[in-house]
Amino acid sequence: MITVVVHHYVIPAMTPQAEKQIKENGRVMRSFPGFITRQTLIGQNDPNQITTVTTWRALEDFQRWNNRPDRPQPQPNAPTMWAKPIESTVFNTTAEL
């Protein structure tokens, strides 16, 4: 199993749109092969930081999700929602130490 932690830093005026997009992404993700679970976190000190934590059966499942042909792509000249680049880290999931 692997766990993926993704940090989104939202431009304050774009928070409703970002929350909607992240929620929809999670809805679609739930039916994807290899998906196990997802949690969405909103920063207590910075509500414009939205972090998602997902768990996948295997790295290959996450890679298929991340590289799927129907993945939404940013539209040219569309305003961005993100104050800085999205940060993503993949972890191996192990039994409790």
N, C-alpha and C. Protein backbone atom coordinates (compact mmCIF):
# COMPACT_ATOMS: atom_id res chain seq x y z
N MET A 1 0.83 -1.18 0.00
CA MET A 1 0.00 0.00 0.00
C MET A 1 0.88 1.24 0.00
N ILE A 2 0.31 2.32 -0.56
CA ILE A 2 0.99 3.61 -0.51
C ILE A 2 -0.01 4.66 -0.04
N THR A 3 0.53 5.75 0.50
CA THR A 3 -0.29 6.90 0.89
C THR A 3 0.28 8.11 0.18
N VAL A 4 -0.60 8.94 -0.37
CA VAL A 4 -0.19 10.14 -1.09
C VAL A 4 -0.75 11.35 -0.36
N VAL A 5 0.15 12.28 -0.04
CA VAL A 5 -0.24 13.52 0.63
C VAL A 5 -0.07 14.65 -0.39
N VAL A 6 -1.15 15.40 -0.63
CA VAL A 6 -1.13 16.48 -1.62
C VAL A 6 -1.56 17.77 -0.93
N HIS A 7 -0.71 18.80 -1.03
CA HIS A 7 -1.01 20.12 -0.46
C HIS A 7 -1.42 21.06 -1.59
N HIS A 8 -2.60 21.67 -1.43
CA HIS A 8 -3.10 22.68 -2.35
C HIS A 8 -3.11 24.01 -1.61
N TYR A 9 -2.55 25.03 -2.21
CA TYR A 9 -2.53 26.37 -1.62
C TYR A 9 -3.42 27.26 -2.48
N VAL A 10 -4.58 27.60 -1.96
CA VAL A 10 -5.63 28.24 -2.75
C VAL A 10 -5.53 29.77 -2.66
N ILE A 11 -5.73 30.43 -3.79
CA ILE A 11 -5.89 31.88 -3.79
C ILE A 11 -7.22 32.15 -3.08
N PRO A 12 -7.23 33.00 -2.02
CA PRO A 12 -8.44 33.17 -1.21
C PRO A 12 -9.72 33.40 -1.99
N ALA A 13 -9.70 34.20 -3.01
CA ALA A 13 -10.92 34.47 -3.78
C ALA A 13 -11.41 33.24 -4.55
N MET A 14 -10.55 32.25 -4.70
CA MET A 14 -10.89 31.07 -5.49
C MET A 14 -11.25 29.86 -4.62
N THR A 15 -11.35 30.06 -3.31
CA THR A 15 -11.60 28.94 -2.40
C THR A 15 -12.85 28.14 -2.75
N PRO A 16 -14.00 28.76 -3.01
CA PRO A 16 -15.18 27.94 -3.34
C PRO A 16 -14.96 27.05 -4.57
N GLN A 17 -14.33 27.59 -5.61
CA GLN A 17 -14.08 26.81 -6.82
C GLN A 17 -13.09 25.68 -6.54
N ALA A 18 -12.06 25.97 -5.76
CA ALA A 18 -11.06 24.95 -5.43
C ALA A 18 -11.68 23.83 -4.61
N GLU A 19 -12.48 24.19 -3.62
CA GLU A 19 -13.14 23.17 -2.80
C GLU A 19 -14.05 22.29 -3.66
N LYS A 20 -14.77 22.90 -4.59
CA LYS A 20 -15.66 22.15 -5.48
C LYS A 20 -14.85 21.18 -6.34
N GLN A 21 -13.75 21.65 -6.91
CA GLN A 21 -12.92 20.80 -7.76
C GLN A 21 -12.31 19.65 -6.97
N ILE A 22 -11.80 19.93 -5.79
CA ILE A 22 -11.19 18.89 -4.96
C ILE A 22 -12.24 17.85 -4.55
N LYS A 23 -13.43 18.31 -4.19
CA LYS A 23 -14.51 17.40 -3.81
C LYS A 23 -14.91 16.51 -4.99
N GLU A 24 -15.05 17.08 -6.17
CA GLU A 24 -15.42 16.31 -7.36
C GLU A 24 -14.33 15.30 -7.70
N ASN A 25 -13.07 15.71 -7.57
CA ASN A 25 -11.96 14.80 -7.82
C ASN A 25 -12.05 13.58 -6.89
N GLY A 26 -12.36 13.83 -5.62
CA GLY A 26 -12.51 12.74 -4.66
C GLY A 26 -13.67 11.83 -5.00
N ARG A 27 -14.77 12.41 -5.46
CA ARG A 27 -15.93 11.60 -5.83
C ARG A 27 -15.57 10.63 -6.96
N VAL A 28 -14.89 11.12 -7.98
CA VAL A 28 -14.50 10.29 -9.11
C VAL A 28 -13.46 9.25 -8.66
N MET A 29 -12.56 9.66 -7.82
CA MET A 29 -11.48 8.79 -7.35
C MET A 29 -12.01 7.54 -6.64
N ARG A 30 -13.12 7.69 -5.91
CA ARG A 30 -13.65 6.58 -5.10
C ARG A 30 -13.98 5.33 -5.91
N SER A 31 -14.26 5.48 -7.19
CA SER A 31 -14.59 4.32 -8.00
C SER A 31 -13.41 3.84 -8.85
N PHE A 32 -12.24 4.43 -8.64
CA PHE A 32 -11.08 4.07 -9.44
C PHE A 32 -10.42 2.81 -8.89
N PRO A 33 -10.00 1.87 -9.75
CA PRO A 33 -9.36 0.64 -9.27
C PRO A 33 -8.12 0.93 -8.42
N GLY A 34 -8.04 0.26 -7.29
CA GLY A 34 -6.89 0.39 -6.40
C GLY A 34 -7.04 1.44 -5.33
N PHE A 35 -8.06 2.30 -5.44
CA PHE A 35 -8.30 3.32 -4.43
C PHE A 35 -8.79 2.65 -3.15
N ILE A 36 -8.27 3.12 -1.99
CA ILE A 36 -8.70 2.58 -0.71
C ILE A 36 -9.45 3.64 0.10
N THR A 37 -8.82 4.78 0.35
CA THR A 37 -9.46 5.79 1.19
C THR A 37 -8.90 7.18 0.89
N ARG A 38 -9.66 8.19 1.32
CA ARG A 38 -9.24 9.59 1.13
C ARG A 38 -9.75 10.42 2.29
N GLN A 39 -8.92 11.35 2.70
CA GLN A 39 -9.29 12.31 3.73
C GLN A 39 -8.88 13.70 3.23
N THR A 40 -9.74 14.68 3.44
CA THR A 40 -9.44 16.06 3.06
C THR A 40 -9.30 16.89 4.33
N LEU A 41 -8.22 17.65 4.40
CA LEU A 41 -7.91 18.46 5.58
C LEU A 41 -7.83 19.93 5.16
N ILE A 42 -8.39 20.80 5.99
CA ILE A 42 -8.30 22.24 5.76
C ILE A 42 -7.51 22.84 6.91
N GLY A 43 -6.48 23.60 6.58
CA GLY A 43 -5.60 24.15 7.60
C GLY A 43 -6.34 24.99 8.63
N GLN A 44 -6.09 24.72 9.90
CA GLN A 44 -6.73 25.47 10.97
C GLN A 44 -6.19 26.91 11.02
N ASN A 45 -4.90 27.06 10.81
CA ASN A 45 -4.29 28.39 10.82
C ASN A 45 -4.33 29.05 9.44
N ASP A 46 -4.53 28.26 8.41
CA ASP A 46 -4.59 28.78 7.05
C ASP A 46 -5.66 28.01 6.27
N PRO A 47 -6.90 28.50 6.27
CA PRO A 47 -7.97 27.78 5.58
C PRO A 47 -7.80 27.72 4.07
N ASN A 48 -6.80 28.41 3.55
CA ASN A 48 -6.52 28.34 2.12
C ASN A 48 -5.53 27.24 1.78
N GLN A 49 -5.13 26.46 2.80
CA GLN A 49 -4.33 25.27 2.54
C GLN A 49 -5.27 24.07 2.68
N ILE A 50 -5.45 23.37 1.59
CA ILE A 50 -6.27 22.16 1.58
C ILE A 50 -5.35 21.00 1.26
N THR A 51 -5.35 20.02 2.15
CA THR A 51 -4.48 18.86 1.98
C THR A 51 -5.34 17.62 1.85
N THR A 52 -5.00 16.77 0.88
CA THR A 52 -5.69 15.49 0.76
C THR A 52 -4.70 14.38 1.05
N VAL A 53 -5.22 13.34 1.71
CA VAL A 53 -4.43 12.16 2.04
C VAL A 53 -5.18 10.97 1.45
N THR A 54 -4.57 10.30 0.49
CA THR A 54 -5.22 9.14 -0.12
C THR A 54 -4.36 7.91 0.08
N THR A 55 -5.01 6.77 0.14
CA THR A 55 -4.31 5.50 0.25
C THR A 55 -4.72 4.64 -0.94
N TRP A 56 -3.72 3.99 -1.51
CA TRP A 56 -3.89 3.17 -2.71
C TRP A 56 -3.32 1.79 -2.47
N ARG A 57 -3.86 0.81 -3.16
CA ARG A 57 -3.39 -0.57 -3.04
C ARG A 57 -1.93 -0.68 -3.46
N ALA A 58 -1.56 0.02 -4.53
CA ALA A 58 -0.18 -0.05 -5.05
C ALA A 58 0.17 1.26 -5.76
N LEU A 59 1.45 1.53 -5.89
CA LEU A 59 1.92 2.72 -6.59
C LEU A 59 1.38 2.77 -8.01
N GLU A 60 1.32 1.63 -8.67
CA GLU A 60 0.84 1.57 -10.05
C GLU A 60 -0.62 2.04 -10.15
N ASP A 61 -1.43 1.73 -9.14
CA ASP A 61 -2.83 2.20 -9.15
C ASP A 61 -2.88 3.72 -9.10
N PHE A 62 -2.09 4.31 -8.21
CA PHE A 62 -2.05 5.77 -8.12
C PHE A 62 -1.52 6.39 -9.42
N GLN A 63 -0.49 5.78 -10.00
CA GLN A 63 0.07 6.31 -11.24
C GLN A 63 -0.96 6.25 -12.37
N ARG A 64 -1.75 5.17 -12.42
CA ARG A 64 -2.81 5.08 -13.44
C ARG A 64 -3.84 6.19 -13.22
N TRP A 65 -4.20 6.44 -11.97
CA TRP A 65 -5.13 7.53 -11.65
C TRP A 65 -4.54 8.87 -12.08
N ASN A 66 -3.32 9.12 -11.71
CA ASN A 66 -2.67 10.40 -11.96
C ASN A 66 -2.42 10.65 -13.45
N ASN A 67 -2.27 9.59 -14.23
CA ASN A 67 -1.93 9.71 -15.65
C ASN A 67 -3.09 9.33 -16.58
N ARG A 68 -4.29 9.23 -16.05
CA ARG A 68 -5.43 8.80 -16.86
C ARG A 68 -5.71 9.81 -17.98
N PRO A 69 -6.14 9.33 -19.13
CA PRO A 69 -6.36 10.21 -20.28
C PRO A 69 -7.45 11.25 -20.05
N ASP A 70 -8.44 10.95 -19.20
CA ASP A 70 -9.54 11.90 -19.00
C ASP A 70 -9.29 12.87 -17.84
N ARG A 71 -8.06 12.91 -17.35
CA ARG A 71 -7.74 13.82 -16.25
C ARG A 71 -7.91 15.26 -16.72
N PRO A 72 -8.66 16.07 -15.95
CA PRO A 72 -8.83 17.47 -16.36
C PRO A 72 -7.49 18.20 -16.43
N GLN A 73 -7.34 18.98 -17.47
CA GLN A 73 -6.11 19.75 -17.67
C GLN A 73 -6.44 21.24 -17.54
N PRO A 74 -5.47 22.02 -17.04
CA PRO A 74 -5.71 23.47 -16.97
C PRO A 74 -6.01 24.03 -18.36
N GLN A 75 -6.96 24.91 -18.41
CA GLN A 75 -7.33 25.53 -19.69
C GLN A 75 -6.42 26.73 -19.95
N PRO A 76 -5.95 26.88 -21.18
CA PRO A 76 -5.13 28.05 -21.50
C PRO A 76 -5.87 29.34 -21.18
N ASN A 77 -5.17 30.28 -20.62
CA ASN A 77 -5.70 31.60 -20.27
C ASN A 77 -6.76 31.58 -19.18
N ALA A 78 -7.02 30.42 -18.56
CA ALA A 78 -7.98 30.37 -17.45
C ALA A 78 -7.28 30.84 -16.18
N PRO A 79 -8.01 31.54 -15.31
CA PRO A 79 -7.38 31.97 -14.06
C PRO A 79 -7.05 30.75 -13.20
N THR A 80 -5.93 30.82 -12.54
CA THR A 80 -5.53 29.71 -11.68
C THR A 80 -6.17 29.85 -10.31
N MET A 81 -6.36 28.72 -9.63
CA MET A 81 -6.89 28.71 -8.27
C MET A 81 -5.78 28.65 -7.24
N TRP A 82 -4.58 28.37 -7.70
CA TRP A 82 -3.51 28.02 -6.77
C TRP A 82 -2.54 29.17 -6.55
N ALA A 83 -2.26 29.45 -5.27
CA ALA A 83 -1.33 30.52 -4.89
C ALA A 83 0.11 30.10 -5.15
N LYS A 84 0.36 28.80 -5.13
CA LYS A 84 1.68 28.26 -5.45
C LYS A 84 1.49 26.84 -5.95
N PRO A 85 2.53 26.22 -6.50
CA PRO A 85 2.37 24.89 -7.07
C PRO A 85 1.86 23.86 -6.06
N ILE A 86 1.08 22.94 -6.56
CA ILE A 86 0.58 21.83 -5.74
C ILE A 86 1.77 20.94 -5.40
N GLU A 87 1.85 20.54 -4.13
CA GLU A 87 2.94 19.68 -3.65
C GLU A 87 2.38 18.29 -3.37
N SER A 88 3.05 17.28 -3.88
CA SER A 88 2.60 15.90 -3.72
C SER A 88 3.76 15.02 -3.27
N THR A 89 3.50 14.18 -2.26
CA THR A 89 4.51 13.24 -1.76
C THR A 89 3.88 11.86 -1.63
N VAL A 90 4.60 10.85 -2.10
CA VAL A 90 4.14 9.46 -2.01
C VAL A 90 4.93 8.77 -0.89
N PHE A 91 4.20 8.05 -0.02
CA PHE A 91 4.80 7.32 1.09
C PHE A 91 4.46 5.85 0.98
N ASN A 92 5.39 4.99 1.37
CA ASN A 92 5.06 3.59 1.56
C ASN A 92 4.29 3.48 2.86
N THR A 93 3.21 2.74 2.86
CA THR A 93 2.39 2.56 4.05
C THR A 93 2.86 1.29 4.74
N THR A 94 3.21 1.41 6.01
CA THR A 94 3.69 0.25 6.77
C THR A 94 2.82 0.04 7.99
N ALA A 95 3.00 -1.10 8.61
CA ALA A 95 2.31 -1.38 9.86
C ALA A 95 2.81 -0.39 10.92
N GLU A 96 2.00 -0.15 11.93
CA GLU A 96 2.41 0.75 13.01
C GLU A 96 3.73 0.30 13.60
N LEU A 97 4.59 1.26 13.88
CA LEU A 97 5.91 0.94 14.46
C LEU A 97 5.78 0.72 15.94
